Amino acid sequence: LVGMLRGIASGMKYLSDMGYVHRDLAARNILVNSNLMCKVSDFGLSRVLEDDPEAAYTTSGGKIPIRWTAPEAIAYRKFSSASDAWSYGIVMWEVMSYGERPYWEMSNQDV
C-alpha cells in the first residue's frame, strides 16, 4: 500500500513542479495496473498556477469534491499545491482503509 502511495505522491509532485493544481485528487482518479503501479488521472478540473510559488487558483463557480477538498478551498474557493496536499492526505486514508469513503458517517453538508 505504501508503494502505491509513493506512486501517487510522485505524480502529484510532478504536477506541482510543472505549476499545476489538480483540484480533484481522489482514489477514484488513480489508475492502478496489475503490478499496483499508480498513476494520477482525470485532469478535468486541473489548472495552471502562476510562476509565483505561493500562487493559488481561485474559482467562483462549479461543483467541488467536498470530502477531498481542503477547508480553505471550500471556504474561499482558493486552490493551491497545499490544497492538493490535503487531498493527498484523504487519498492516503482511502488507500490505508482499503477504499472506505471519507467521512462516511457524515453528510456532505456536515463535512
PDB file of N, CA and C in Angstrom:
ATOM      1  N   LEU A   1       0.818  -1.199   0.000  1.00  0.00           N
ATOM      2  CA  LEU A   1       0.000   0.000   0.000  1.00  0.00           C
ATOM      3  C   LEU A   1       0.861   1.262   0.000  1.00  0.00           C
ATOM      4  N   VAL A   2       1.961   1.197   0.755  1.00  0.00           N
ATOM      5  CA  VAL A   2       2.849   2.362   0.814  1.00  0.00           C
ATOM      6  C   VAL A   2       3.459   2.627  -0.562  1.00  0.00           C
ATOM      7  N   GLY A   3       3.780   1.572  -1.290  1.00  0.00           N
ATOM      8  CA  GLY A   3       4.308   1.737  -2.641  1.00  0.00           C
ATOM      9  C   GLY A   3       3.309   2.426  -3.560  1.00  0.00           C
ATOM     10  N   MET A   4       2.043   2.099  -3.395  1.00  0.00           N
ATOM     11  CA  MET A   4       1.003   2.756  -4.185  1.00  0.00           C
ATOM     12  C   MET A   4       0.970   4.246  -3.857  1.00  0.00           C
ATOM     13  N   LEU A   5       1.053   4.552  -2.576  1.00  0.00           N
ATOM     14  CA  LEU A   5       1.027   5.957  -2.147  1.00  0.00           C
ATOM     15  C   LEU A   5       2.245   6.718  -2.657  1.00  0.00           C
ATOM     16  N   ARG A   6       3.390   6.037  -2.726  1.00  0.00           N
ATOM     17  CA  ARG A   6       4.590   6.688  -3.276  1.00  0.00           C
ATOM     18  C   ARG A   6       4.381   7.073  -4.738  1.00  0.00           C
ATOM     19  N   GLY A   7       3.763   6.190  -5.499  1.00  0.00           N
ATOM     20  CA  GLY A   7       3.495   6.489  -6.908  1.00  0.00           C
ATOM     21  C   GLY A   7       2.579   7.689  -7.072  1.00  0.00           C
ATOM     22  N   ILE A   8       1.553   7.750  -6.238  1.00  0.00           N
ATOM     23  CA  ILE A   8       0.623   8.882  -6.284  1.00  0.00           C
ATOM     24  C   ILE A   8       1.348  10.165  -5.895  1.00  0.00           C
ATOM     25  N   ALA A   9       2.152  10.089  -4.833  1.00  0.00           N
ATOM     26  CA  ALA A   9       2.908  11.266  -4.381  1.00  0.00           C
ATOM     27  C   ALA A   9       3.862  11.744  -5.468  1.00  0.00           C
ATOM     28  N   SER A  10       4.493  10.811  -6.154  1.00  0.00           N
ATOM     29  CA  SER A  10       5.419  11.170  -7.230  1.00  0.00           C
ATOM     30  C   SER A  10       4.689  11.907  -8.353  1.00  0.00           C
ATOM     31  N   GLY A  11       3.519  11.424  -8.713  1.00  0.00           N
ATOM     32  CA  GLY A  11       2.728  12.092  -9.745  1.00  0.00           C
ATOM     33  C   GLY A  11       2.291  13.481  -9.327  1.00  0.00           C
ATOM     34  N   MET A  12       1.894  13.616  -8.069  1.00  0.00           N
ATOM     35  CA  MET A  12       1.461  14.926  -7.581  1.00  0.00           C
ATOM     36  C   MET A  12       2.629  15.896  -7.474  1.00  0.00           C
ATOM     37  N   LYS A  13       3.804  15.388  -7.107  1.00  0.00           N
ATOM     38  CA  LYS A  13       4.991  16.253  -7.058  1.00  0.00           C
ATOM     39  C   LYS A  13       5.300  16.769  -8.463  1.00  0.00           C
ATOM     40  N   TYR A  14       5.209  15.892  -9.442  1.00  0.00           N
ATOM     41  CA  TYR A  14       5.460  16.305 -10.819  1.00  0.00           C
ATOM     42  C   TYR A  14       4.479  17.401 -11.248  1.00  0.00           C
ATOM     43  N   LEU A  15       3.205  17.209 -10.958  1.00  0.00           N
ATOM     44  CA  LEU A  15       2.204  18.230 -11.301  1.00  0.00           C
ATOM     45  C   LEU A  15       2.546  19.566 -10.663  1.00  0.00           C
ATOM     46  N   SER A  16       2.878  19.521  -9.374  1.00  0.00           N
ATOM     47  CA  SER A  16       3.223  20.743  -8.648  1.00  0.00           C
ATOM     48  C   SER A  16       4.471  21.394  -9.238  1.00  0.00           C
ATOM     49  N   ASP A  17       5.483  20.579  -9.528  1.00  0.00           N
ATOM     50  CA  ASP A  17       6.720  21.107 -10.121  1.00  0.00           C
ATOM     51  C   ASP A  17       6.465  21.765 -11.480  1.00  0.00           C
ATOM     52  N   MET A  18       5.479  21.267 -12.206  1.00  0.00           N
ATOM     53  CA  MET A  18       5.128  21.823 -13.516  1.00  0.00           C
ATOM     54  C   MET A  18       4.193  23.027 -13.401  1.00  0.00           C
ATOM     55  N   GLY A  19       3.783  23.359 -12.173  1.00  0.00           N
ATOM     56  CA  GLY A  19       2.957  24.544 -11.965  1.00  0.00           C
ATOM     57  C   GLY A  19       1.464  24.322 -12.091  1.00  0.00           C
ATOM     58  N   TYR A  20       1.029  23.092 -11.879  1.00  0.00           N
ATOM     59  CA  TYR A  20      -0.396  22.779 -11.973  1.00  0.00           C
ATOM     60  C   TYR A  20      -0.970  22.416 -10.610  1.00  0.00           C
ATOM     61  N   VAL A  21      -2.259  22.661 -10.456  1.00  0.00           N
ATOM     62  CA  VAL A  21      -3.010  22.197  -9.296  1.00  0.00           C
ATOM     63  C   VAL A  21      -4.084  21.244  -9.841  1.00  0.00           C
ATOM     64  N   HIS A  22      -4.210  20.067  -9.231  1.00  0.00           N
ATOM     65  CA  HIS A  22      -5.124  19.034  -9.737  1.00  0.00           C
ATOM     66  C   HIS A  22      -6.582  19.345  -9.413  1.00  0.00           C
ATOM     67  N   ARG A  23      -6.879  19.679  -8.178  1.00  0.00           N
ATOM     68  CA  ARG A  23      -8.192  20.072  -7.666  1.00  0.00           C
ATOM     69  C   ARG A  23      -9.210  18.940  -7.555  1.00  0.00           C
ATOM     70  N   ASP A  24      -8.855  17.721  -7.954  1.00  0.00           N
ATOM     71  CA  ASP A  24      -9.810  16.605  -7.854  1.00  0.00           C
ATOM     72  C   ASP A  24      -9.089  15.298  -7.554  1.00  0.00           C
ATOM     73  N   LEU A  25      -8.064  15.358  -6.713  1.00  0.00           N
ATOM     74  CA  LEU A  25      -7.338  14.141  -6.363  1.00  0.00           C
ATOM     75  C   LEU A  25      -8.189  13.311  -5.412  1.00  0.00           C
ATOM     76  N   ALA A  26      -8.454  12.078  -5.800  1.00  0.00           N
ATOM     77  CA  ALA A  26      -9.221  11.122  -5.001  1.00  0.00           C
ATOM     78  C   ALA A  26      -8.877   9.732  -5.528  1.00  0.00           C
ATOM     79  N   ALA A  27      -9.118   8.711  -4.729  1.00  0.00           N
ATOM     80  CA  ALA A  27      -8.801   7.345  -5.156  1.00  0.00           C
ATOM     81  C   ALA A  27      -9.495   6.998  -6.475  1.00  0.00           C
ATOM     82  N   ARG A  28     -10.671   7.530  -6.699  1.00  0.00           N
ATOM     83  CA  ARG A  28     -11.401   7.242  -7.946  1.00  0.00           C
ATOM     84  C   ARG A  28     -10.666   7.773  -9.175  1.00  0.00           C
ATOM     85  N   ASN A  29      -9.709   8.670  -8.976  1.00  0.00           N
ATOM     86  CA  ASN A  29      -8.953   9.257 -10.082  1.00  0.00           C
ATOM     87  C   ASN A  29      -7.520   8.740 -10.150  1.00  0.00           C
ATOM     88  N   ILE A  30      -7.309   7.548  -9.611  1.00  0.00           N
ATOM     89  CA  ILE A  30      -5.998   6.905  -9.668  1.00  0.00           C
ATOM     90  C   ILE A  30      -6.123   5.639 -10.510  1.00  0.00           C
ATOM     91  N   LEU A  31      -5.279   5.516 -11.514  1.00  0.00           N
ATOM     92  CA  LEU A  31      -5.228   4.306 -12.332  1.00  0.00           C
ATOM     93  C   LEU A  31      -4.206   3.362 -11.712  1.00  0.00           C
ATOM     94  N   VAL A  32      -4.550   2.081 -11.614  1.00  0.00           N
ATOM     95  CA  VAL A  32      -3.680   1.082 -10.988  1.00  0.00           C
ATOM     96  C   VAL A  32      -3.503  -0.075 -11.964  1.00  0.00           C
ATOM     97  N   ASN A  33      -2.235  -0.450 -12.238  1.00  0.00           N
ATOM     98  CA  ASN A  33      -2.015  -1.579 -13.139  1.00  0.00           C
ATOM     99  C   ASN A  33      -1.867  -2.881 -12.342  1.00  0.00           C
ATOM    100  N   SER A  34      -1.594  -3.970 -13.032  1.00  0.00           N
ATOM    101  CA  SER A  34      -1.518  -5.286 -12.385  1.00  0.00           C
ATOM    102  C   SER A  34      -0.347  -5.406 -11.416  1.00  0.00           C
ATOM    103  N   ASN A  35       0.639  -4.525 -11.540  1.00  0.00           N
ATOM    104  CA  ASN A  35       1.776  -4.506 -10.608  1.00  0.00           C
ATOM    105  C   ASN A  35       1.562  -3.514  -9.473  1.00  0.00           C
ATOM    106  N   LEU A  36       0.345  -2.986  -9.364  1.00  0.00           N
ATOM    107  CA  LEU A  36      -0.037  -1.994  -8.353  1.00  0.00           C
ATOM    108  C   LEU A  36       0.683  -0.659  -8.531  1.00  0.00           C
ATOM    109  N   MET A  37       1.173  -0.397  -9.751  1.00  0.00           N
ATOM    110  CA  MET A  37       1.746   0.912 -10.056  1.00  0.00           C
ATOM    111  C   MET A  37       0.594   1.891 -10.238  1.00  0.00           C
ATOM    112  N   CYS A  38       0.689   3.032  -9.600  1.00  0.00           N
ATOM    113  CA  CYS A  38      -0.396   4.017  -9.622  1.00  0.00           C
ATOM    114  C   CYS A  38      -0.028   5.240 -10.445  1.00  0.00           C
ATOM    115  N   LYS A  39      -0.990   5.723 -11.190  1.00  0.00           N
ATOM    116  CA  LYS A  39      -0.846   6.941 -11.989  1.00  0.00           C
ATOM    117  C   LYS A  39      -2.039   7.845 -11.720  1.00  0.00           C
ATOM    118  N   VAL A  40      -1.767   9.120 -11.526  1.00  0.00           N
ATOM    119  CA  VAL A  40      -2.821  10.107 -11.312  1.00  0.00           C
ATOM    120  C   VAL A  40      -3.516  10.362 -12.648  1.00  0.00           C
ATOM    121  N   SER A  41      -4.843  10.469 -12.618  1.00  0.00           N
ATOM    122  CA  SER A  41      -5.612  10.709 -13.840  1.00  0.00           C
ATOM    123  C   SER A  41      -6.701  11.746 -13.587  1.00  0.00           C
ATOM    124  N   ASP A  42      -7.530  11.964 -14.570  1.00  0.00           N
ATOM    125  CA  ASP A  42      -8.668  12.890 -14.549  1.00  0.00           C
ATOM    126  C   ASP A  42      -8.226  14.316 -14.241  1.00  0.00           C
ATOM    127  N   PHE A  43      -7.763  14.975 -15.272  1.00  0.00           N
ATOM    128  CA  PHE A  43      -7.257  16.339 -15.125  1.00  0.00           C
ATOM    129  C   PHE A  43      -8.285  17.389 -15.551  1.00  0.00           C
ATOM    130  N   GLY A  44      -9.551  17.013 -15.547  1.00  0.00           N
ATOM    131  CA  GLY A  44     -10.612  17.919 -15.982  1.00  0.00           C
ATOM    132  C   GLY A  44     -10.745  19.178 -15.150  1.00  0.00           C
ATOM    133  N   LEU A  45     -10.428  19.111 -13.863  1.00  0.00           N
ATOM    134  CA  LEU A  45     -10.500  20.296 -13.003  1.00  0.00           C
ATOM    135  C   LEU A  45      -9.136  20.955 -12.796  1.00  0.00           C
ATOM    136  N   SER A  46      -8.083  20.369 -13.358  1.00  0.00           N
ATOM    137  CA  SER A  46      -6.730  20.904 -13.169  1.00  0.00           C
ATOM    138  C   SER A  46      -6.591  22.288 -13.783  1.00  0.00           C
ATOM    139  N   ARG A  47      -5.747  23.087 -13.160  1.00  0.00           N
ATOM    140  CA  ARG A  47      -5.474  24.436 -13.657  1.00  0.00           C
ATOM    141  C   ARG A  47      -3.993  24.741 -13.486  1.00  0.00           C
ATOM    142  N   VAL A  48      -3.479  25.606 -14.365  1.00  0.00           N
ATOM    143  CA  VAL A  48      -2.098  26.053 -14.248  1.00  0.00           C
ATOM    144  C   VAL A  48      -2.048  27.191 -13.228  1.00  0.00           C
ATOM    145  N   LEU A  49      -0.986  27.203 -12.433  1.00  0.00           N
ATOM    146  CA  LEU A  49      -0.775  28.274 -11.460  1.00  0.00           C
ATOM    147  C   LEU A  49       0.198  29.291 -12.032  1.00  0.00           C
ATOM    148  N   GLU A  50       0.295  30.412 -11.373  1.00  0.00           N
ATOM    149  CA  GLU A  50       1.252  31.451 -11.769  1.00  0.00           C
ATOM    150  C   GLU A  50       2.671  30.948 -11.493  1.00  0.00           C
ATOM    151  N   ASP A  51       3.670  31.721 -11.914  1.00  0.00           N
ATOM    152  CA  ASP A  51       5.060  31.373 -11.627  1.00  0.00           C
ATOM    153  C   ASP A  51       5.391  31.527 -10.150  1.00  0.00           C
ATOM    154  N   ASP A  52       4.602  32.295  -9.436  1.00  0.00           N
ATOM    155  CA  ASP A  52       4.797  32.526  -8.007  1.00  0.00           C
ATOM    156  C   ASP A  52       4.555  31.229  -7.238  1.00  0.00           C
ATOM    157  N   PRO A  53       5.525  30.759  -6.421  1.00  0.00           N
ATOM    158  CA  PRO A  53       5.342  29.517  -5.666  1.00  0.00           C
ATOM    159  C   PRO A  53       4.207  29.582  -4.651  1.00  0.00           C
ATOM    160  N   GLU A  54       3.774  30.778  -4.298  1.00  0.00           N
ATOM    161  CA  GLU A  54       2.661  30.938  -3.357  1.00  0.00           C
ATOM    162  C   GLU A  54       1.331  31.097  -4.090  1.00  0.00           C
ATOM    163  N   ALA A  55       1.346  30.889  -5.396  1.00  0.00           N
ATOM    164  CA  ALA A  55       0.157  31.120  -6.218  1.00  0.00           C
ATOM    165  C   ALA A  55      -0.961  30.149  -5.879  1.00  0.00           C
ATOM    166  N   ALA A  56      -2.158  30.596  -6.172  1.00  0.00           N
ATOM    167  CA  ALA A  56      -3.347  29.762  -5.998  1.00  0.00           C
ATOM    168  C   ALA A  56      -4.309  30.069  -7.131  1.00  0.00           C
ATOM    169  N   TYR A  57      -5.164  29.117  -7.429  1.00  0.00           N
ATOM    170  CA  TYR A  57      -6.190  29.292  -8.449  1.00  0.00           C
ATOM    171  C   TYR A  57      -7.506  29.501  -7.724  1.00  0.00           C
ATOM    172  N   THR A  58      -8.165  30.605  -8.007  1.00  0.00           N
ATOM    173  CA  THR A  58      -9.445  30.915  -7.371  1.00  0.00           C
ATOM    174  C   THR A  58     -10.552  30.751  -8.397  1.00  0.00           C
ATOM    175  N   THR A  59     -11.635  30.134  -7.967  1.00  0.00           N
ATOM    176  CA  THR A  59     -12.779  29.906  -8.850  1.00  0.00           C
ATOM    177  C   THR A  59     -14.037  30.459  -8.204  1.00  0.00           C
ATOM    178  N   SER A  60     -14.994  30.808  -9.020  1.00  0.00           N
ATOM    179  CA  SER A  60     -16.224  31.388  -8.480  1.00  0.00           C
ATOM    180  C   SER A  60     -17.429  30.472  -8.645  1.00  0.00           C
ATOM    181  N   GLY A  61     -17.275  29.367  -9.316  1.00  0.00           N
ATOM    182  CA  GLY A  61     -18.439  28.513  -9.521  1.00  0.00           C
ATOM    183  C   GLY A  61     -18.065  27.074  -9.768  1.00  0.00           C
ATOM    184  N   GLY A  62     -19.074  26.251  -9.938  1.00  0.00           N
ATOM    185  CA  GLY A  62     -18.861  24.840 -10.219  1.00  0.00           C
ATOM    186  C   GLY A  62     -18.843  23.996  -8.959  1.00  0.00           C
ATOM    187  N   LYS A  63     -19.038  22.714  -9.165  1.00  0.00           N
ATOM    188  CA  LYS A  63     -19.039  21.781  -8.045  1.00  0.00           C
ATOM    189  C   LYS A  63     -17.614  21.382  -7.698  1.00  0.00           C
ATOM    190  N   ILE A  64     -17.382  21.164  -6.416  1.00  0.00           N
ATOM    191  CA  ILE A  64     -16.081  20.684  -5.963  1.00  0.00           C
ATOM    192  C   ILE A  64     -16.306  19.427  -5.119  1.00  0.00           C
ATOM    193  N   PRO A  65     -15.329  18.505  -5.114  1.00  0.00           N
ATOM    194  CA  PRO A  65     -15.471  17.268  -4.344  1.00  0.00           C
ATOM    195  C   PRO A  65     -15.240  17.532  -2.847  1.00  0.00           C
ATOM    196  N   ILE A  66     -16.296  17.843  -2.140  1.00  0.00           N
ATOM    197  CA  ILE A  66     -16.235  18.312  -0.748  1.00  0.00           C
ATOM    198  C   ILE A  66     -15.390  17.415   0.147  1.00  0.00           C
ATOM    199  N   ARG A  67     -15.565  16.120   0.069  1.00  0.00           N
ATOM    200  CA  ARG A  67     -14.884  15.209   1.000  1.00  0.00           C
ATOM    201  C   ARG A  67     -13.369  15.161   0.793  1.00  0.00           C
ATOM    202  N   TRP A  68     -12.894  15.624  -0.343  1.00  0.00           N
ATOM    203  CA  TRP A  68     -11.464  15.593  -0.643  1.00  0.00           C
ATOM    204  C   TRP A  68     -10.854  16.992  -0.701  1.00  0.00           C
ATOM    205  N   THR A  69     -11.643  18.007  -0.447  1.00  0.00           N
ATOM    206  CA  THR A  69     -11.203  19.388  -0.636  1.00  0.00           C
ATOM    207  C   THR A  69     -10.775  20.021   0.679  1.00  0.00           C
ATOM    208  N   ALA A  70      -9.653  20.729   0.646  1.00  0.00           N
ATOM    209  CA  ALA A  70      -9.112  21.407   1.833  1.00  0.00           C
ATOM    210  C   ALA A  70     -10.087  22.462   2.343  1.00  0.00           C
ATOM    211  N   PRO A  71     -10.111  22.685   3.649  1.00  0.00           N
ATOM    212  CA  PRO A  71     -11.044  23.665   4.226  1.00  0.00           C
ATOM    213  C   PRO A  71     -10.953  25.054   3.588  1.00  0.00           C
ATOM    214  N   GLU A  72      -9.738  25.538   3.322  1.00  0.00           N
ATOM    215  CA  GLU A  72      -9.613  26.879   2.732  1.00  0.00           C
ATOM    216  C   GLU A  72     -10.137  26.906   1.300  1.00  0.00           C
ATOM    217  N   ALA A  73     -10.033  25.778   0.606  1.00  0.00           N
ATOM    218  CA  ALA A  73     -10.561  25.714  -0.756  1.00  0.00           C
ATOM    219  C   ALA A  73     -12.090  25.698  -0.738  1.00  0.00           C
ATOM    220  N   ILE A  74     -12.667  25.069   0.270  1.00  0.00           N
ATOM    221  CA  ILE A  74     -14.127  25.078   0.414  1.00  0.00           C
ATOM    222  C   ILE A  74     -14.598  26.482   0.781  1.00  0.00           C
ATOM    223  N   ALA A  75     -13.941  27.081   1.768  1.00  0.00           N
ATOM    224  CA  ALA A  75     -14.379  28.384   2.284  1.00  0.00           C
ATOM    225  C   ALA A  75     -14.158  29.521   1.292  1.00  0.00           C
ATOM    226  N   TYR A  76     -12.994  29.530   0.636  1.00  0.00           N
ATOM    227  CA  TYR A  76     -12.629  30.669  -0.217  1.00  0.00           C
ATOM    228  C   TYR A  76     -12.522  30.308  -1.700  1.00  0.00           C
ATOM    229  N   ARG A  77     -12.755  29.028  -2.021  1.00  0.00           N
ATOM    230  CA  ARG A  77     -12.628  28.522  -3.388  1.00  0.00           C
ATOM    231  C   ARG A  77     -11.250  28.852  -3.964  1.00  0.00           C
ATOM    232  N   LYS A  78     -10.247  28.715  -3.110  1.00  0.00           N
ATOM    233  CA  LYS A  78      -8.861  29.007  -3.465  1.00  0.00           C
ATOM    234  C   LYS A  78      -8.069  27.693  -3.424  1.00  0.00           C
ATOM    235  N   PHE A  79      -7.550  27.283  -4.578  1.00  0.00           N
ATOM    236  CA  PHE A  79      -6.858  26.007  -4.713  1.00  0.00           C
ATOM    237  C   PHE A  79      -5.372  26.241  -4.956  1.00  0.00           C
ATOM    238  N   SER A  80      -4.541  25.419  -4.328  1.00  0.00           N
ATOM    239  CA  SER A  80      -3.089  25.550  -4.446  1.00  0.00           C
ATOM    240  C   SER A  80      -2.463  24.164  -4.294  1.00  0.00           C
ATOM    241  N   SER A  81      -1.149  24.109  -4.362  1.00  0.00           N
ATOM    242  CA  SER A  81      -0.461  22.849  -4.095  1.00  0.00           C
ATOM    243  C   SER A  81      -0.757  22.369  -2.680  1.00  0.00           C
ATOM    244  N   ALA A  82      -0.956  23.304  -1.761  1.00  0.00           N
ATOM    245  CA  ALA A  82      -1.289  22.934  -0.378  1.00  0.00           C
ATOM    246  C   ALA A  82      -2.661  22.259  -0.314  1.00  0.00           C
ATOM    247  N   SER A  83      -3.627  22.733  -1.094  1.00  0.00           N
ATOM    248  CA  SER A  83      -4.940  22.075  -1.084  1.00  0.00           C
ATOM    249  C   SER A  83      -4.859  20.699  -1.748  1.00  0.00           C
ATOM    250  N   ASP A  84      -3.987  20.542  -2.741  1.00  0.00           N
ATOM    251  CA  ASP A  84      -3.749  19.211  -3.308  1.00  0.00           C
ATOM    252  C   ASP A  84      -3.107  18.291  -2.273  1.00  0.00           C
ATOM    253  N   ALA A  85      -2.225  18.834  -1.426  1.00  0.00           N
ATOM    254  CA  ALA A  85      -1.604  18.029  -0.366  1.00  0.00           C
ATOM    255  C   ALA A  85      -2.672  17.532   0.612  1.00  0.00           C
ATOM    256  N   TRP A  86      -3.654  18.373   0.928  1.00  0.00           N
ATOM    257  CA  TRP A  86      -4.774  17.948   1.781  1.00  0.00           C
ATOM    258  C   TRP A  86      -5.501  16.766   1.122  1.00  0.00           C
ATOM    259  N   SER A  87      -5.799  16.913  -0.165  1.00  0.00           N
ATOM    260  CA  SER A  87      -6.492  15.844  -0.892  1.00  0.00           C
ATOM    261  C   SER A  87      -5.671  14.561  -0.880  1.00  0.00           C
ATOM    262  N   TYR A  88      -4.352  14.697  -0.994  1.00  0.00           N
ATOM    263  CA  TYR A  88      -3.479  13.520  -0.931  1.00  0.00           C
ATOM    264  C   TYR A  88      -3.610  12.833   0.432  1.00  0.00           C
ATOM    265  N   GLY A  89      -3.732  13.603   1.491  1.00  0.00           N
ATOM    266  CA  GLY A  89      -3.944  13.017   2.817  1.00  0.00           C
ATOM    267  C   GLY A  89      -5.223  12.199   2.869  1.00  0.00           C
ATOM    268  N   ILE A  90      -6.273  12.689   2.229  1.00  0.00           N
ATOM    269  CA  ILE A  90      -7.533  11.941   2.177  1.00  0.00           C
ATOM    270  C   ILE A  90      -7.350  10.668   1.346  1.00  0.00           C
ATOM    271  N   VAL A  91      -6.601  10.767   0.245  1.00  0.00           N
ATOM    272  CA  VAL A  91      -6.316   9.587  -0.576  1.00  0.00           C
ATOM    273  C   VAL A  91      -5.518   8.569   0.233  1.00  0.00           C
ATOM    274  N   MET A  92      -4.558   9.037   1.023  1.00  0.00           N
ATOM    275  CA  MET A  92      -3.806   8.117   1.887  1.00  0.00           C
ATOM    276  C   MET A  92      -4.765   7.350   2.789  1.00  0.00           C
ATOM    277  N   TRP A  93      -5.708   8.052   3.370  1.00  0.00           N
ATOM    278  CA  TRP A  93      -6.693   7.418   4.246  1.00  0.00           C
ATOM    279  C   TRP A  93      -7.523   6.403   3.462  1.00  0.00           C
ATOM    280  N   GLU A  94      -7.944   6.775   2.247  1.00  0.00           N
ATOM    281  CA  GLU A  94      -8.722   5.850   1.419  1.00  0.00           C
ATOM    282  C   GLU A  94      -7.942   4.564   1.148  1.00  0.00           C
ATOM    283  N   VAL A  95      -6.679   4.711   0.776  1.00  0.00           N
ATOM    284  CA  VAL A  95      -5.854   3.542   0.456  1.00  0.00           C
ATOM    285  C   VAL A  95      -5.642   2.682   1.699  1.00  0.00           C
ATOM    286  N   MET A  96      -5.253   3.298   2.793  1.00  0.00           N
ATOM    287  CA  MET A  96      -4.937   2.539   4.007  1.00  0.00           C
ATOM    288  C   MET A  96      -6.180   1.924   4.653  1.00  0.00           C
ATOM    289  N   SER A  97      -7.360   2.442   4.335  1.00  0.00           N
ATOM    290  CA  SER A  97      -8.606   1.866   4.868  1.00  0.00           C
ATOM    291  C   SER A  97      -9.246   0.917   3.847  1.00  0.00           C
ATOM    292  N   TYR A  98      -8.499   0.573   2.800  1.00  0.00           N
ATOM    293  CA  TYR A  98      -8.979  -0.335   1.753  1.00  0.00           C
ATOM    294  C   TYR A  98     -10.251   0.169   1.076  1.00  0.00           C
ATOM    295  N   GLY A  99     -10.277   1.459   0.801  1.00  0.00           N
ATOM    296  CA  GLY A  99     -11.338   2.027  -0.013  1.00  0.00           C
ATOM    297  C   GLY A  99     -12.549   2.565   0.720  1.00  0.00           C
ATOM    298  N   GLU A 100     -12.445   2.751   2.017  1.00  0.00           N
ATOM    299  CA  GLU A 100     -13.567   3.351   2.754  1.00  0.00           C
ATOM    300  C   GLU A 100     -13.846   4.752   2.216  1.00  0.00           C
ATOM    301  N   ARG A 101     -15.081   5.163   2.282  1.00  0.00           N
ATOM    302  CA  ARG A 101     -15.475   6.512   1.860  1.00  0.00           C
ATOM    303  C   ARG A 101     -15.080   7.511   2.949  1.00  0.00           C
ATOM    304  N   PRO A 102     -14.396   8.583   2.588  1.00  0.00           N
ATOM    305  CA  PRO A 102     -14.016   9.584   3.600  1.00  0.00           C
ATOM    306  C   PRO A 102     -15.245  10.162   4.296  1.00  0.00           C
ATOM    307  N   TYR A 103     -15.132  10.314   5.594  1.00  0.00           N
ATOM    308  CA  TYR A 103     -16.221  10.888   6.405  1.00  0.00           C
ATOM    309  C   TYR A 103     -17.543  10.166   6.137  1.00  0.00           C
ATOM    310  N   TRP A 104     -17.482   8.845   6.035  1.00  0.00           N
ATOM    311  CA  TRP A 104     -18.645   8.046   5.641  1.00  0.00           C
ATOM    312  C   TRP A 104     -19.868   8.280   6.518  1.00  0.00           C
ATOM    313  N   GLU A 105     -19.664   8.638   7.783  1.00  0.00           N
ATOM    314  CA  GLU A 105     -20.790   8.800   8.701  1.00  0.00           C
ATOM    315  C   GLU A 105     -21.407  10.198   8.627  1.00  0.00           C
ATOM    316  N   MET A 106     -20.854  11.066   7.791  1.00  0.00           N
ATOM    317  CA  MET A 106     -21.314  12.453   7.710  1.00  0.00           C
ATOM    318  C   MET A 106     -21.950  12.740   6.347  1.00  0.00           C
ATOM    319  N   SER A 107     -22.889  13.667   6.345  1.00  0.00           N
ATOM    320  CA  SER A 107     -23.451  14.135   5.075  1.00  0.00           C
ATOM    321  C   SER A 107     -22.482  15.156   4.469  1.00  0.00           C
ATOM    322  N   ASN A 108     -22.634  15.455   3.191  1.00  0.00           N
ATOM    323  CA  ASN A 108     -21.794  16.485   2.566  1.00  0.00           C
ATOM    324  C   ASN A 108     -21.950  17.817   3.288  1.00  0.00           C
ATOM    325  N   GLN A 109     -23.151  18.130   3.707  1.00  0.00           N
ATOM    326  CA  GLN A 109     -23.403  19.381   4.434  1.00  0.00           C
ATOM    327  C   GLN A 109     -22.601  19.426   5.735  1.00  0.00           C
ATOM    328  N   ASP A 110     -22.532  18.294   6.442  1.00  0.00           N
ATOM    329  CA  ASP A 110     -21.799  18.241   7.707  1.00  0.00           C
ATOM    330  C   ASP A 110     -20.293  18.332   7.507  1.00  0.00           C
ATOM    331  N   VAL A 111     -19.817  17.786   6.376  1.00  0.00           N
ATOM    332  CA  VAL A 111     -18.387  17.855   6.086  1.00  0.00           C
ATOM    333  C   VAL A 111     -18.017  19.310   5.923  1.00  0.00           C
TER     334      VAL A 111
END
